[in-house]
Amino acid sequence: MVLMIYALCVGTAALCALLLLRSYAKTRFRLLLWSGLCFVGLTANNALLMLDKTLLAHIDLSAWRAAVGVVAMALLVIGLVMERGR
């Protein structure tokens, strides 16, 4: 049951990334690009969480998860700052 919940979280983040990047491809609104890239990182973060807590429980992936999460959020912050300056 836990694996299914983690998989749904990965799928939801991946779907958000897909929809945001697809909208960016149509409109070329750059904030959609930055948001989509953030959700790509959040998808990777959720995938690492799923691996860390279920399949590779004997290996600590918390540092990798934190690094991926920081990079994902940094992409969004960079995008927000860059779009604010325009």
N, C-alpha and C. Protein backbone atom coordinates (compact mmCIF):
# COMPACT_ATOMS: atom_id res chain seq x y z
N MET A 1 0.82 -1.19 0.00
CA MET A 1 0.00 0.00 0.00
C MET A 1 0.87 1.26 0.00
N VAL A 2 1.95 1.24 0.78
CA VAL A 2 2.84 2.40 0.85
C VAL A 2 3.50 2.65 -0.50
N LEU A 3 3.91 1.58 -1.15
CA LEU A 3 4.53 1.71 -2.47
C LEU A 3 3.56 2.35 -3.47
N MET A 4 2.30 2.01 -3.39
CA MET A 4 1.31 2.57 -4.29
C MET A 4 1.13 4.07 -4.04
N ILE A 5 1.14 4.47 -2.80
CA ILE A 5 1.00 5.90 -2.47
C ILE A 5 2.20 6.68 -2.98
N TYR A 6 3.40 6.15 -2.77
CA TYR A 6 4.60 6.81 -3.29
C TYR A 6 4.57 6.87 -4.82
N ALA A 7 4.11 5.81 -5.45
CA ALA A 7 4.03 5.79 -6.91
C ALA A 7 3.02 6.82 -7.41
N LEU A 8 1.92 7.00 -6.70
CA LEU A 8 0.95 8.02 -7.08
C LEU A 8 1.53 9.42 -6.94
N CYS A 9 2.35 9.64 -5.93
CA CYS A 9 3.01 10.94 -5.76
C CYS A 9 3.97 11.21 -6.92
N VAL A 10 4.72 10.19 -7.32
CA VAL A 10 5.63 10.34 -8.46
C VAL A 10 4.83 10.63 -9.72
N GLY A 11 3.76 9.89 -9.92
CA GLY A 11 2.93 10.09 -11.11
C GLY A 11 2.29 11.46 -11.15
N THR A 12 1.83 11.94 -10.01
CA THR A 12 1.21 13.27 -9.96
C THR A 12 2.22 14.36 -10.29
N ALA A 13 3.40 14.29 -9.71
CA ALA A 13 4.43 15.28 -10.00
C ALA A 13 4.86 15.22 -11.46
N ALA A 14 4.96 14.01 -12.01
CA ALA A 14 5.34 13.85 -13.42
C ALA A 14 4.25 14.42 -14.34
N LEU A 15 3.00 14.20 -14.00
CA LEU A 15 1.90 14.74 -14.79
C LEU A 15 1.91 16.27 -14.75
N CYS A 16 2.14 16.84 -13.58
CA CYS A 16 2.23 18.30 -13.48
C CYS A 16 3.38 18.83 -14.34
N ALA A 17 4.52 18.17 -14.29
CA ALA A 17 5.67 18.59 -15.10
C ALA A 17 5.33 18.51 -16.58
N LEU A 18 4.71 17.43 -16.98
CA LEU A 18 4.33 17.25 -18.38
C LEU A 18 3.37 18.34 -18.84
N LEU A 19 2.35 18.61 -18.05
CA LEU A 19 1.36 19.62 -18.42
C LEU A 19 1.97 21.02 -18.47
N LEU A 20 2.83 21.33 -17.51
CA LEU A 20 3.48 22.65 -17.51
C LEU A 20 4.41 22.82 -18.70
N LEU A 21 5.20 21.81 -19.00
CA LEU A 21 6.13 21.91 -20.12
C LEU A 21 5.39 21.90 -21.46
N ARG A 22 4.30 21.19 -21.54
CA ARG A 22 3.49 21.20 -22.76
C ARG A 22 2.86 22.58 -22.97
N SER A 23 2.40 23.19 -21.89
CA SER A 23 1.85 24.54 -21.99
C SER A 23 2.92 25.54 -22.38
N TYR A 24 4.13 25.34 -21.87
CA TYR A 24 5.23 26.23 -22.26
C TYR A 24 5.51 26.10 -23.76
N ALA A 25 5.47 24.88 -24.26
CA ALA A 25 5.74 24.67 -25.69
C ALA A 25 4.72 25.39 -26.56
N LYS A 26 3.50 25.51 -26.09
CA LYS A 26 2.46 26.19 -26.85
C LYS A 26 2.53 27.71 -26.72
N THR A 27 2.77 28.21 -25.50
CA THR A 27 2.65 29.65 -25.24
C THR A 27 3.97 30.39 -25.17
N ARG A 28 5.05 29.66 -24.91
CA ARG A 28 6.38 30.25 -24.70
C ARG A 28 6.41 31.24 -23.53
N PHE A 29 5.53 31.05 -22.57
CA PHE A 29 5.54 31.84 -21.33
C PHE A 29 6.58 31.22 -20.41
N ARG A 30 7.67 31.96 -20.18
CA ARG A 30 8.87 31.38 -19.55
C ARG A 30 8.64 30.89 -18.12
N LEU A 31 7.69 31.46 -17.40
CA LEU A 31 7.44 30.99 -16.04
C LEU A 31 6.92 29.55 -16.05
N LEU A 32 6.22 29.17 -17.10
CA LEU A 32 5.78 27.78 -17.23
C LEU A 32 6.98 26.85 -17.39
N LEU A 33 8.00 27.30 -18.10
CA LEU A 33 9.22 26.49 -18.25
C LEU A 33 9.88 26.26 -16.90
N TRP A 34 10.06 27.33 -16.14
CA TRP A 34 10.72 27.20 -14.84
C TRP A 34 9.90 26.33 -13.89
N SER A 35 8.58 26.50 -13.93
CA SER A 35 7.72 25.68 -13.08
C SER A 35 7.77 24.21 -13.51
N GLY A 36 7.80 23.98 -14.81
CA GLY A 36 7.90 22.60 -15.30
C GLY A 36 9.20 21.94 -14.91
N LEU A 37 10.29 22.71 -15.01
CA LEU A 37 11.59 22.16 -14.59
C LEU A 37 11.61 21.87 -13.09
N CYS A 38 10.96 22.73 -12.32
CA CYS A 38 10.86 22.48 -10.88
C CYS A 38 10.13 21.17 -10.63
N PHE A 39 9.03 20.94 -11.35
CA PHE A 39 8.28 19.71 -11.14
C PHE A 39 9.02 18.48 -11.67
N VAL A 40 9.89 18.65 -12.64
CA VAL A 40 10.75 17.53 -13.05
C VAL A 40 11.65 17.15 -11.86
N GLY A 41 12.20 18.16 -11.20
CA GLY A 41 13.02 17.90 -10.02
C GLY A 41 12.22 17.29 -8.89
N LEU A 42 10.99 17.76 -8.70
CA LEU A 42 10.14 17.19 -7.64
C LEU A 42 9.74 15.76 -7.96
N THR A 43 9.60 15.45 -9.24
CA THR A 43 9.34 14.06 -9.64
C THR A 43 10.53 13.18 -9.27
N ALA A 44 11.72 13.67 -9.57
CA ALA A 44 12.93 12.92 -9.20
C ALA A 44 13.02 12.78 -7.67
N ASN A 45 12.67 13.83 -6.97
CA ASN A 45 12.70 13.80 -5.51
C ASN A 45 11.73 12.75 -4.98
N ASN A 46 10.52 12.71 -5.53
CA ASN A 46 9.55 11.71 -5.10
C ASN A 46 9.98 10.30 -5.47
N ALA A 47 10.62 10.15 -6.63
CA ALA A 47 11.12 8.82 -7.02
C ALA A 47 12.21 8.36 -6.06
N LEU A 48 13.10 9.28 -5.68
CA LEU A 48 14.14 8.92 -4.71
C LEU A 48 13.52 8.58 -3.35
N LEU A 49 12.47 9.30 -2.97
CA LEU A 49 11.79 8.99 -1.71
C LEU A 49 11.20 7.59 -1.76
N MET A 50 10.57 7.25 -2.88
CA MET A 50 9.99 5.92 -3.03
C MET A 50 11.07 4.84 -2.94
N LEU A 51 12.19 5.08 -3.61
CA LEU A 51 13.29 4.11 -3.54
C LEU A 51 13.86 4.02 -2.13
N ASP A 52 14.01 5.18 -1.50
CA ASP A 52 14.63 5.23 -0.18
C ASP A 52 13.78 4.51 0.87
N LYS A 53 12.49 4.68 0.81
CA LYS A 53 11.62 4.14 1.86
C LYS A 53 11.12 2.73 1.61
N THR A 54 11.16 2.28 0.35
CA THR A 54 10.59 0.95 0.07
C THR A 54 11.62 -0.01 -0.51
N LEU A 55 12.11 0.26 -1.68
CA LEU A 55 12.93 -0.71 -2.39
C LEU A 55 14.37 -0.78 -1.89
N LEU A 56 14.95 0.35 -1.54
CA LEU A 56 16.33 0.39 -1.05
C LEU A 56 16.38 0.88 0.40
N ALA A 57 15.59 0.26 1.23
CA ALA A 57 15.48 0.71 2.63
C ALA A 57 16.80 0.61 3.39
N HIS A 58 17.71 -0.24 2.94
CA HIS A 58 18.98 -0.41 3.62
C HIS A 58 20.01 0.66 3.24
N ILE A 59 19.69 1.50 2.24
CA ILE A 59 20.59 2.58 1.81
C ILE A 59 19.93 3.91 2.14
N ASP A 60 20.71 4.82 2.74
CA ASP A 60 20.19 6.14 3.10
C ASP A 60 20.35 7.09 1.92
N LEU A 61 19.25 7.48 1.32
CA LEU A 61 19.27 8.40 0.19
C LEU A 61 18.80 9.80 0.58
N SER A 62 18.75 10.09 1.86
CA SER A 62 18.19 11.37 2.30
C SER A 62 19.02 12.56 1.82
N ALA A 63 20.33 12.43 1.75
CA ALA A 63 21.15 13.54 1.27
C ALA A 63 20.89 13.80 -0.21
N TRP A 64 20.74 12.74 -1.00
CA TRP A 64 20.43 12.90 -2.42
C TRP A 64 19.05 13.51 -2.60
N ARG A 65 18.08 13.06 -1.79
CA ARG A 65 16.73 13.62 -1.88
C ARG A 65 16.74 15.10 -1.55
N ALA A 66 17.47 15.47 -0.52
CA ALA A 66 17.53 16.88 -0.13
C ALA A 66 18.20 17.72 -1.22
N ALA A 67 19.26 17.19 -1.81
CA ALA A 67 19.96 17.94 -2.87
C ALA A 67 19.06 18.14 -4.09
N VAL A 68 18.35 17.10 -4.48
CA VAL A 68 17.45 17.21 -5.63
C VAL A 68 16.30 18.19 -5.32
N GLY A 69 15.79 18.14 -4.11
CA GLY A 69 14.73 19.07 -3.71
C GLY A 69 15.20 20.51 -3.70
N VAL A 70 16.41 20.75 -3.23
CA VAL A 70 16.95 22.11 -3.22
C VAL A 70 17.15 22.62 -4.64
N VAL A 71 17.66 21.78 -5.51
CA VAL A 71 17.86 22.19 -6.91
C VAL A 71 16.51 22.49 -7.57
N ALA A 72 15.51 21.66 -7.30
CA ALA A 72 14.18 21.87 -7.89
C ALA A 72 13.60 23.20 -7.42
N MET A 73 13.68 23.48 -6.14
CA MET A 73 13.14 24.74 -5.62
C MET A 73 13.97 25.93 -6.10
N ALA A 74 15.28 25.74 -6.24
CA ALA A 74 16.13 26.82 -6.74
C ALA A 74 15.76 27.18 -8.17
N LEU A 75 15.41 26.19 -8.98
CA LEU A 75 14.97 26.47 -10.35
C LEU A 75 13.73 27.35 -10.35
N LEU A 76 12.80 27.07 -9.47
CA LEU A 76 11.58 27.86 -9.40
C LEU A 76 11.88 29.28 -8.92
N VAL A 77 12.72 29.40 -7.91
CA VAL A 77 13.07 30.73 -7.39
C VAL A 77 13.80 31.54 -8.46
N ILE A 78 14.73 30.90 -9.16
CA ILE A 78 15.46 31.59 -10.24
C ILE A 78 14.47 32.08 -11.30
N GLY A 79 13.54 31.22 -11.67
CA GLY A 79 12.54 31.60 -12.66
C GLY A 79 11.68 32.76 -12.20
N LEU A 80 11.27 32.73 -10.93
CA LEU A 80 10.46 33.82 -10.41
C LEU A 80 11.22 35.12 -10.39
N VAL A 81 12.49 35.08 -9.99
CA VAL A 81 13.30 36.30 -9.94
C VAL A 81 13.55 36.84 -11.34
N MET A 82 13.85 35.95 -12.28
CA MET A 82 14.12 36.39 -13.64
C MET A 82 12.88 36.99 -14.30
N GLU A 83 11.72 36.41 -14.04
CA GLU A 83 10.49 36.93 -14.63
C GLU A 83 10.06 38.22 -13.95
N ARG A 84 10.40 38.39 -12.72
CA ARG A 84 10.06 39.63 -12.00
C ARG A 84 10.84 40.80 -12.59
N GLY A 85 12.06 40.55 -13.04
CA GLY A 85 12.92 41.58 -13.60
C GLY A 85 12.52 42.02 -14.99
N ARG A 86 11.68 41.26 -15.65
CA ARG A 86 11.29 41.60 -17.04
C ARG A 86 10.23 42.64 -17.06
